[in-house]
Structures are given as C-alpha cells and as structure tokens.
C-alpha cells in the first residue's frame, strides 16, 4: 500500500481507503471473517474516509462484496474512528447511498 511521509495510507482525491477483513453482526449474513487460511476469499469490504473532515470531505463510506454503499458522518474524530474499524458493520446509524 502506498504510504505518505506521515506513515499513513496515501490519500486519493481527499480520501483514505482501507480493506476490512471481516463483517459484524449488523451486516447481512451476520458476523464472520473474510479470511480463510490468511487469504481474503470469504468476501471483502472497504472503508473510505476523508483525510481532513470538513475540508476534503465529510462522509465516511463503507461497502462490501454485496455492493451496497453506506455513509455516515463520523464528525471531527473521523480519522481515529475509521482507523479503529476492523469489520464491515453498518448499523442503523449508517444510511444507504441512493
């Protein structure tokens, strides 16, 4: 993965992107790991979050192999919240993108 001088993932069009290797209980099908023998073959998900909340973007987006994109405003703590995400788990606070 390309890295900026800061050691963080490089930004693309004002957003950073990260692969999520599992899904949580709120995802269709329930909680499970996408990893099988250390290979990402059980599915995939991605989180995209703004580099500078309010400047490069406001909404954080998640999508998995089913293709439904969800969005949520994580506020000023977006980078920290997105960095803690390990699974695709869109609860009722996430809204489907139309």
Foldseek 3Di string as FASTA:
>chain_A
DPADPVRHHDDDQQKDKDKAQWAAQQDVVHTDGCDDPNDNNNWIKMKIDGPADPPSYFWIWMDIPVGWIWIAGPPRCGVVVVVPDRHHYDDPRIHTDD
